[in-house]
Amino acid sequence: MAARKKSEEKKSEDTSKLYIVDFWGTLAEYGHRDLLRTVQYELRIQEPFPVFVERFEQVFMTKKYPSVKEAFYEVIKAFNLRTPGFVVDKLVGIWNISWLKSSLYEGALDTVRKLREQGKVVLVHNTDSMSGQGVIGKFGLDKEFDEVVLSCDAGKLKKEIFKEVSDKYRADEVYVIGDSLYSDMLGAKEIGAVGILIDKRGLKEFDKKVKSIAEVPALLNL
């Protein structure tokens, strides 16, 4: 009887924790190196990279388009560009090959499974609908997480989704694990969560950071 009560207490503890996990740069890498910088270069967009990324993702990743090509044309329209068709075709090819050749970082799924032993784990992914569904199927992510939330389905980017996920699970402890100081760590701060930065090159200033997702359990003493 005592053993059963202890088990029930442990289960209650576990469900008090929520881990919100980013995808690109955290669990997996694109098949094309510096994909978004390549997009910016090919479109000849002259603005700071972080500004470009936020504007690009807002257009490209918060709506479902019939095709990647149509999504790129919406980006061109939003940035008021005159981009030749052959450049759009090139970008479509790069984008599709990138997710098809994407790969999970070593220890990524092992870490997710360890986190699930402690509480709920939700994947929040800034993505277009085509590649988003593609990588979910490719890596079987729907079976590895308690929930998968795509920006293209939610109609908003990660920072806004974090609050909705946090409010839904109402956990006592909330962690956000990601590789972006802006969209992940600032997003964590805005909802009162603990941010854990994936800093592969060790060049960013942040309190709680690791070089890979595989190091997260040790950081959290799991």
Protein backbone atom coordinates (compact mmCIF):
# COMPACT_ATOMS: atom_id res chain seq x y z
CA MET A 1 0.00 0.00 0.00
CA ALA A 2 2.88 2.35 0.93
CA ALA A 3 4.59 1.54 -2.36
CA ARG A 4 1.43 2.38 -4.28
CA LYS A 5 1.06 5.70 -2.44
CA LYS A 6 4.70 6.58 -3.18
CA SER A 7 4.15 5.77 -6.85
CA GLU A 8 1.08 8.03 -6.97
CA GLU A 9 3.02 10.85 -5.30
CA LYS A 10 5.82 10.49 -7.82
CA LYS A 11 3.34 10.61 -10.69
CA SER A 12 1.86 13.80 -9.28
CA GLU A 13 5.34 15.35 -9.07
CA ASP A 14 6.10 14.40 -12.64
CA THR A 15 3.03 16.09 -14.07
CA SER A 16 3.98 19.35 -12.32
CA LYS A 17 6.80 19.88 -14.82
CA LEU A 18 6.47 21.10 -18.39
CA TYR A 19 9.28 21.14 -20.96
CA ILE A 20 8.74 23.19 -24.11
CA VAL A 21 11.26 22.19 -26.76
CA ASP A 22 12.28 23.94 -29.98
CA PHE A 23 13.11 21.93 -33.11
CA TRP A 24 15.59 23.45 -35.60
CA GLY A 25 18.98 24.05 -34.00
CA THR A 26 17.86 22.30 -30.83
CA LEU A 27 16.77 18.78 -31.76
CA ALA A 28 17.74 18.78 -35.43
CA GLU A 29 19.83 20.53 -38.04
CA TYR A 30 18.82 21.54 -41.53
CA GLY A 31 20.20 19.53 -44.42
CA HIS A 32 21.40 22.83 -45.90
CA ARG A 33 23.88 24.78 -43.80
CA ASP A 34 22.79 28.31 -42.86
CA LEU A 35 19.45 27.86 -44.63
CA LEU A 36 17.84 31.15 -43.62
CA ARG A 37 21.01 33.13 -44.37
CA THR A 38 20.97 31.55 -47.82
CA VAL A 39 17.36 32.62 -48.30
CA GLN A 40 18.22 36.17 -47.27
CA TYR A 41 21.18 36.24 -49.65
CA GLU A 42 19.26 34.85 -52.63
CA LEU A 43 16.45 37.36 -52.10
CA ARG A 44 19.02 40.17 -51.76
CA ILE A 45 17.41 41.47 -48.58
CA GLN A 46 19.58 44.11 -46.94
CA GLU A 47 18.62 44.22 -43.28
CA PRO A 48 19.97 42.77 -40.01
CA PHE A 49 19.64 39.01 -39.97
CA PRO A 50 17.50 38.76 -36.80
CA VAL A 51 15.07 41.33 -38.24
CA PHE A 52 14.88 39.40 -41.51
CA VAL A 53 14.27 36.09 -39.73
CA GLU A 54 11.37 37.43 -37.69
CA ARG A 55 9.72 39.05 -40.73
CA PHE A 56 10.32 36.00 -42.92
CA GLU A 57 8.95 33.53 -40.38
CA GLN A 58 5.91 35.69 -39.72
CA VAL A 59 4.94 35.46 -43.39
CA PHE A 60 6.26 32.03 -44.31
CA MET A 61 5.44 30.05 -41.16
CA THR A 62 2.16 31.33 -39.73
CA LYS A 63 -0.12 30.32 -42.59
CA LYS A 64 -0.77 27.17 -44.59
CA TYR A 65 0.09 27.59 -48.26
CA PRO A 66 -0.70 25.16 -51.09
CA SER A 67 3.00 24.93 -51.92
CA VAL A 68 6.45 26.14 -50.88
CA LYS A 69 6.59 28.20 -54.06
CA GLU A 70 3.45 30.13 -53.12
CA ALA A 71 4.86 30.70 -49.66
CA PHE A 72 8.01 32.24 -51.16
CA TYR A 73 5.94 34.47 -53.42
CA GLU A 74 4.11 35.75 -50.34
CA VAL A 75 7.48 36.56 -48.78
CA ILE A 76 8.52 38.42 -51.94
CA LYS A 77 5.30 40.39 -51.81
CA ALA A 78 5.71 41.22 -48.12
CA PHE A 79 9.27 42.45 -48.63
CA ASN A 80 8.28 44.35 -51.79
CA LEU A 81 10.85 42.54 -53.94
CA ARG A 82 11.26 41.91 -57.65
CA THR A 83 12.67 38.42 -57.60
CA PRO A 84 13.07 36.45 -60.86
CA GLY A 85 11.19 33.17 -61.16
CA PHE A 86 14.38 31.14 -61.49
CA VAL A 87 15.50 32.39 -58.06
CA VAL A 88 12.20 31.30 -56.54
CA ASP A 89 12.60 27.86 -58.14
CA LYS A 90 16.12 27.66 -56.72
CA LEU A 91 14.90 28.54 -53.23
CA VAL A 92 12.09 25.98 -53.41
CA GLY A 93 14.63 23.31 -54.29
CA ILE A 94 16.99 24.33 -51.47
CA TRP A 95 14.13 24.43 -48.95
CA ASN A 96 12.77 21.01 -49.86
CA ILE A 97 16.17 19.33 -49.95
CA SER A 98 17.05 20.88 -46.62
CA TRP A 99 14.28 19.23 -44.64
CA LEU A 100 14.57 15.98 -46.58
CA LYS A 101 18.27 15.79 -45.65
CA SER A 102 17.77 17.05 -42.10
CA SER A 103 19.05 14.97 -39.20
CA LEU A 104 18.51 14.77 -35.46
CA TYR A 105 21.38 15.67 -33.17
CA GLU A 106 23.00 12.84 -31.27
CA GLY A 107 21.07 12.04 -28.11
CA ALA A 108 18.09 14.22 -29.08
CA LEU A 109 15.34 11.63 -28.68
CA ASP A 110 17.01 10.05 -25.63
CA THR A 111 16.82 13.45 -23.97
CA VAL A 112 13.16 13.88 -24.88
CA ARG A 113 12.39 10.47 -23.40
CA LYS A 114 14.20 11.33 -20.16
CA LEU A 115 12.26 14.57 -19.91
CA ARG A 116 8.99 12.71 -20.42
CA GLU A 117 9.83 10.60 -17.38
CA GLN A 118 9.73 13.85 -15.38
CA GLY A 119 6.70 15.59 -16.85
CA LYS A 120 5.01 16.76 -20.06
CA VAL A 121 7.13 17.54 -23.12
CA VAL A 122 5.74 19.70 -25.91
CA LEU A 123 7.44 20.41 -29.22
CA VAL A 124 6.85 23.96 -30.47
CA HIS A 125 8.07 24.38 -34.01
CA ASN A 126 8.30 27.46 -36.24
CA THR A 127 7.71 25.91 -39.65
CA ASP A 128 5.82 25.92 -42.90
CA SER A 129 3.21 23.19 -43.22
CA MET A 130 5.04 21.18 -45.89
CA SER A 131 8.39 20.69 -44.15
CA GLY A 132 6.78 20.68 -40.70
CA GLN A 133 4.62 17.66 -41.44
CA GLY A 134 7.53 16.16 -43.35
CA VAL A 135 9.96 16.11 -40.41
CA ILE A 136 7.25 14.92 -38.00
CA GLY A 137 6.69 11.91 -40.21
CA LYS A 138 10.36 11.38 -40.97
CA PHE A 139 11.41 11.22 -37.31
CA GLY A 140 8.16 9.93 -35.79
CA LEU A 141 7.93 12.99 -33.56
CA ASP A 142 4.20 12.65 -32.87
CA LYS A 143 5.02 9.53 -30.84
CA GLU A 144 7.89 11.13 -28.91
CA PHE A 145 6.08 14.19 -27.52
CA ASP A 146 2.97 14.72 -25.47
CA GLU A 147 1.98 17.38 -28.00
CA VAL A 148 3.39 18.91 -31.19
CA VAL A 149 2.44 22.50 -32.03
CA LEU A 150 3.34 23.91 -35.45
CA SER A 151 3.35 27.66 -36.06
CA CYS A 152 1.63 27.19 -39.41
CA ASP A 153 -1.29 25.50 -37.65
CA ALA A 154 -1.40 27.92 -34.73
CA GLY A 155 -1.20 31.02 -36.94
CA LYS A 156 1.50 32.51 -34.74
CA LEU A 157 5.20 32.10 -33.92
CA LYS A 158 6.83 30.35 -30.98
CA LYS A 159 6.94 33.22 -28.51
CA GLU A 160 3.15 33.53 -28.58
CA ILE A 161 2.63 29.76 -28.57
CA PHE A 162 4.74 29.34 -25.42
CA LYS A 163 2.19 31.20 -23.32
CA GLU A 164 -0.72 29.19 -24.68
CA VAL A 165 1.07 25.90 -23.98
CA SER A 166 2.07 27.05 -20.49
CA ASP A 167 -1.49 28.14 -19.70
CA LYS A 168 -2.87 24.85 -20.99
CA TYR A 169 -0.70 22.59 -18.81
CA ARG A 170 -0.54 24.87 -15.75
CA ALA A 171 2.64 23.22 -14.51
CA ASP A 172 4.49 24.36 -11.39
CA GLU A 173 7.81 24.28 -13.22
CA VAL A 174 8.15 25.30 -16.87
CA TYR A 175 11.31 25.01 -18.97
CA VAL A 176 11.94 26.27 -22.49
CA ILE A 177 14.78 24.58 -24.37
CA GLY A 178 15.97 26.23 -27.58
CA ASP A 179 18.87 27.75 -29.50
CA SER A 180 17.62 31.32 -30.01
CA LEU A 181 18.22 34.08 -27.46
CA TYR A 182 15.34 36.05 -28.93
CA SER A 183 12.53 33.67 -29.82
CA ASP A 184 13.31 30.96 -27.23
CA MET A 185 15.04 32.55 -24.23
CA LEU A 186 13.18 35.85 -24.34
CA GLY A 187 9.99 33.89 -24.89
CA ALA A 188 10.80 31.83 -21.79
CA LYS A 189 11.36 34.97 -19.73
CA GLU A 190 8.04 36.45 -20.85
CA ILE A 191 6.09 33.47 -19.47
CA GLY A 192 8.18 33.11 -16.31
CA ALA A 193 9.83 29.88 -17.46
CA VAL A 194 13.39 28.70 -17.01
CA GLY A 195 15.27 29.06 -20.29
CA ILE A 196 17.94 26.57 -21.31
CA LEU A 197 19.98 27.75 -24.27
CA ILE A 198 21.53 25.35 -26.77
CA ASP A 199 24.76 27.16 -27.69
CA LYS A 200 26.71 24.82 -29.93
CA ARG A 201 29.65 27.21 -30.42
CA GLY A 202 29.74 28.50 -26.87
CA LEU A 203 29.67 32.12 -28.02
CA LYS A 204 26.45 33.39 -26.42
CA GLU A 205 26.04 34.89 -22.97
CA PHE A 206 23.34 33.14 -20.98
CA ASP A 207 23.00 31.77 -17.46
CA LYS A 208 21.80 28.25 -18.20
CA LYS A 209 23.29 26.91 -21.40
CA VAL A 210 24.69 23.71 -22.88
CA LYS A 211 26.37 22.83 -26.14
CA SER A 212 23.89 20.14 -27.11
CA ILE A 213 20.45 18.82 -26.27
CA ALA A 214 22.14 15.67 -24.92
CA GLU A 215 23.60 17.71 -22.03
CA VAL A 216 20.23 18.96 -20.77
CA PRO A 217 19.46 16.02 -18.42
CA ALA A 218 22.79 16.47 -16.63
CA LEU A 219 22.19 20.22 -16.29
CA LEU A 220 18.83 19.49 -14.66
CA ASN A 221 20.28 16.66 -12.54
CA LEU A 222 17.95 14.09 -14.11
